[in-house]
Amino acid sequence: MKNLARASVAIALATSLAACATPGRPARTGTAYECSAGTKLRVDYLANGALVSVNGSRSKPFAKVANNRGDAYESGGSRLVRMGNSVTWNSALKSAPESCRTVMTIN
């Protein structure tokens, strides 16, 4: 049931973003990060989630989830936590979270 709810949020997020984008071109907003183990992220933060591109891959929707501190986003075993300018990234493929630093903000 929990996975169904997350999938529904992800679909709604992707649909709402698609309605705002120019056909054939992705929106050029968001933040680029470099992480401690070499992962490169591009994150477009939205009201109830985020679109995350890992190492130049196609952006995937992440749902905003409850978190004690900062903003947390999850999708398919991957987790992004943002506290101010600090970001932590963890994917199902890695056992330890990576610390990430901002390298560019696109408006």
C-alpha atoms as a PDB file:
ATOM      1  CA  MET A   1       0.000   0.000   0.000  1.00  0.00           C
ATOM      2  CA  LYS A   2       2.872   2.354   0.884  1.00  0.00           C
ATOM      3  CA  ASN A   3       4.571   1.674  -2.474  1.00  0.00           C
ATOM      4  CA  LEU A   4       1.294   2.330  -4.300  1.00  0.00           C
ATOM      5  CA  ALA A   5       0.969   5.709  -2.590  1.00  0.00           C
ATOM      6  CA  ARG A   6       4.559   6.621  -3.500  1.00  0.00           C
ATOM      7  CA  ALA A   7       4.006   5.549  -7.100  1.00  0.00           C
ATOM      8  CA  SER A   8       0.873   7.696  -7.277  1.00  0.00           C
ATOM      9  CA  VAL A   9       2.774  10.708  -5.962  1.00  0.00           C
ATOM     10  CA  ALA A  10       5.595  10.110  -8.448  1.00  0.00           C
ATOM     11  CA  ILE A  11       3.172   9.922 -11.381  1.00  0.00           C
ATOM     12  CA  ALA A  12       1.346  13.074 -10.287  1.00  0.00           C
ATOM     13  CA  LEU A  13       4.685  14.860  -9.876  1.00  0.00           C
ATOM     14  CA  ALA A  14       5.913  13.854 -13.317  1.00  0.00           C
ATOM     15  CA  THR A  15       2.605  14.797 -14.938  1.00  0.00           C
ATOM     16  CA  SER A  16       2.489  18.240 -13.343  1.00  0.00           C
ATOM     17  CA  LEU A  17       6.083  18.961 -14.344  1.00  0.00           C
ATOM     18  CA  ALA A  18       5.482  17.825 -17.914  1.00  0.00           C
ATOM     19  CA  ALA A  19       2.634  20.324 -18.221  1.00  0.00           C
ATOM     20  CA  CYS A  20       5.043  23.188 -17.382  1.00  0.00           C
ATOM     21  CA  ALA A  21       7.974  22.171 -19.579  1.00  0.00           C
ATOM     22  CA  THR A  22       8.587  23.410 -23.100  1.00  0.00           C
ATOM     23  CA  PRO A  23       8.075  20.528 -25.554  1.00  0.00           C
ATOM     24  CA  GLY A  24      11.385  18.903 -26.432  1.00  0.00           C
ATOM     25  CA  ARG A  25      13.376  20.840 -23.817  1.00  0.00           C
ATOM     26  CA  PRO A  26      13.832  20.175 -20.122  1.00  0.00           C
ATOM     27  CA  ALA A  27      13.365  23.059 -17.699  1.00  0.00           C
ATOM     28  CA  ARG A  28      16.724  24.701 -16.878  1.00  0.00           C
ATOM     29  CA  THR A  29      16.274  25.193 -13.163  1.00  0.00           C
ATOM     30  CA  GLY A  30      17.683  23.420 -10.156  1.00  0.00           C
ATOM     31  CA  THR A  31      20.932  22.679  -8.418  1.00  0.00           C
ATOM     32  CA  ALA A  32      23.960  20.621  -9.435  1.00  0.00           C
ATOM     33  CA  TYR A  33      25.925  18.714  -6.778  1.00  0.00           C
ATOM     34  CA  GLU A  34      29.183  16.747  -6.630  1.00  0.00           C
ATOM     35  CA  CYS A  35      29.270  14.042  -3.972  1.00  0.00           C
ATOM     36  CA  SER A  36      32.137  12.600  -1.936  1.00  0.00           C
ATOM     37  CA  ALA A  37      32.249   9.271  -3.831  1.00  0.00           C
ATOM     38  CA  GLY A  38      32.131  10.986  -7.242  1.00  0.00           C
ATOM     39  CA  THR A  39      28.387  10.909  -7.910  1.00  0.00           C
ATOM     40  CA  LYS A  40      27.067  13.934  -9.803  1.00  0.00           C
ATOM     41  CA  LEU A  41      23.475  14.997  -9.134  1.00  0.00           C
ATOM     42  CA  ARG A  42      21.167  17.513 -10.722  1.00  0.00           C
ATOM     43  CA  VAL A  43      18.087  18.241  -8.620  1.00  0.00           C
ATOM     44  CA  ASP A  44      15.017  20.244  -9.580  1.00  0.00           C
ATOM     45  CA  TYR A  45      13.117  20.889  -6.338  1.00  0.00           C
ATOM     46  CA  LEU A  46       9.322  21.002  -6.596  1.00  0.00           C
ATOM     47  CA  ALA A  47       6.577  21.719  -4.053  1.00  0.00           C
ATOM     48  CA  ASN A  48       5.977  18.063  -3.092  1.00  0.00           C
ATOM     49  CA  GLY A  49       9.031  16.320  -4.473  1.00  0.00           C
ATOM     50  CA  ALA A  50      12.053  16.603  -6.721  1.00  0.00           C
ATOM     51  CA  LEU A  51      13.353  15.464 -10.084  1.00  0.00           C
ATOM     52  CA  VAL A  52      16.790  13.898  -9.699  1.00  0.00           C
ATOM     53  CA  SER A  53      19.315  13.094 -12.418  1.00  0.00           C
ATOM     54  CA  VAL A  54      22.257  10.888 -11.373  1.00  0.00           C
ATOM     55  CA  ASN A  55      25.482  11.107 -13.387  1.00  0.00           C
ATOM     56  CA  GLY A  56      23.699  12.644 -16.387  1.00  0.00           C
ATOM     57  CA  SER A  57      20.903  10.077 -16.577  1.00  0.00           C
ATOM     58  CA  ARG A  58      17.277  10.972 -17.300  1.00  0.00           C
ATOM     59  CA  SER A  59      15.621  12.733 -14.341  1.00  0.00           C
ATOM     60  CA  LYS A  60      13.410  10.581 -12.130  1.00  0.00           C
ATOM     61  CA  PRO A  61      10.666  11.792  -9.797  1.00  0.00           C
ATOM     62  CA  PHE A  62      11.334  11.586  -6.060  1.00  0.00           C
ATOM     63  CA  ALA A  63       8.529  11.982  -3.523  1.00  0.00           C
ATOM     64  CA  LYS A  64       8.980  14.244  -0.507  1.00  0.00           C
ATOM     65  CA  VAL A  65       8.831  12.113   2.659  1.00  0.00           C
ATOM     66  CA  ALA A  66       8.591  12.811   6.370  1.00  0.00           C
ATOM     67  CA  ASN A  67      11.937  13.581   7.988  1.00  0.00           C
ATOM     68  CA  ASN A  68      12.943  14.908  11.419  1.00  0.00           C
ATOM     69  CA  ARG A  69      15.440  17.426  10.011  1.00  0.00           C
ATOM     70  CA  GLY A  70      15.594  19.002   6.596  1.00  0.00           C
ATOM     71  CA  ASP A  71      13.788  17.875   3.462  1.00  0.00           C
ATOM     72  CA  ALA A  72      13.965  14.228   2.399  1.00  0.00           C
ATOM     73  CA  TYR A  73      13.086  12.739  -0.987  1.00  0.00           C
ATOM     74  CA  GLU A  74      12.883   9.031  -1.922  1.00  0.00           C
ATOM     75  CA  SER A  75      12.460   6.876  -5.004  1.00  0.00           C
ATOM     76  CA  GLY A  76      13.250   3.217  -5.679  1.00  0.00           C
ATOM     77  CA  GLY A  77      15.615   2.750  -2.738  1.00  0.00           C
ATOM     78  CA  SER A  78      17.469   6.036  -3.276  1.00  0.00           C
ATOM     79  CA  ARG A  79      17.276   8.894  -0.783  1.00  0.00           C
ATOM     80  CA  LEU A  80      18.260  12.561  -0.941  1.00  0.00           C
ATOM     81  CA  VAL A  81      18.271  14.678   2.235  1.00  0.00           C
ATOM     82  CA  ARG A  82      18.735  18.447   2.091  1.00  0.00           C
ATOM     83  CA  MET A  83      19.454  20.521   5.194  1.00  0.00           C
ATOM     84  CA  GLY A  84      20.125  24.109   4.139  1.00  0.00           C
ATOM     85  CA  ASN A  85      23.035  23.983   1.691  1.00  0.00           C
ATOM     86  CA  SER A  86      24.083  20.493   2.800  1.00  0.00           C
ATOM     87  CA  VAL A  87      22.916  17.435   0.840  1.00  0.00           C
ATOM     88  CA  THR A  88      23.324  13.741   1.592  1.00  0.00           C
ATOM     89  CA  TRP A  89      22.773  11.144  -1.150  1.00  0.00           C
ATOM     90  CA  ASN A  90      22.285   7.408  -0.682  1.00  0.00           C
ATOM     91  CA  SER A  91      21.294   4.895  -3.327  1.00  0.00           C
ATOM     92  CA  ALA A  92      20.411   1.234  -3.163  1.00  0.00           C
ATOM     93  CA  LEU A  93      23.745   0.530  -4.891  1.00  0.00           C
ATOM     94  CA  LYS A  94      25.879   2.117  -2.154  1.00  0.00           C
ATOM     95  CA  SER A  95      26.036   1.124   1.486  1.00  0.00           C
ATOM     96  CA  ALA A  96      27.059   4.487   2.931  1.00  0.00           C
ATOM     97  CA  PRO A  97      25.585   7.933   2.250  1.00  0.00           C
ATOM     98  CA  GLU A  98      27.655  10.474   0.326  1.00  0.00           C
ATOM     99  CA  SER A  99      28.072  14.103   1.373  1.00  0.00           C
ATOM    100  CA  CYS A 100      27.446  16.451  -1.555  1.00  0.00           C
ATOM    101  CA  ARG A 101      28.413  20.038  -2.250  1.00  0.00           C
ATOM    102  CA  THR A 102      26.685  22.538  -4.489  1.00  0.00           C
ATOM    103  CA  VAL A 103      28.595  23.229  -7.698  1.00  0.00           C
ATOM    104  CA  MET A 104      25.986  25.281  -9.568  1.00  0.00           C
ATOM    105  CA  THR A 105      22.493  26.652  -9.197  1.00  0.00           C
ATOM    106  CA  ILE A 106      20.507  27.140 -12.399  1.00  0.00           C
ATOM    107  CA  ASN A 107      17.607  29.611 -12.434  1.00  0.00           C
END
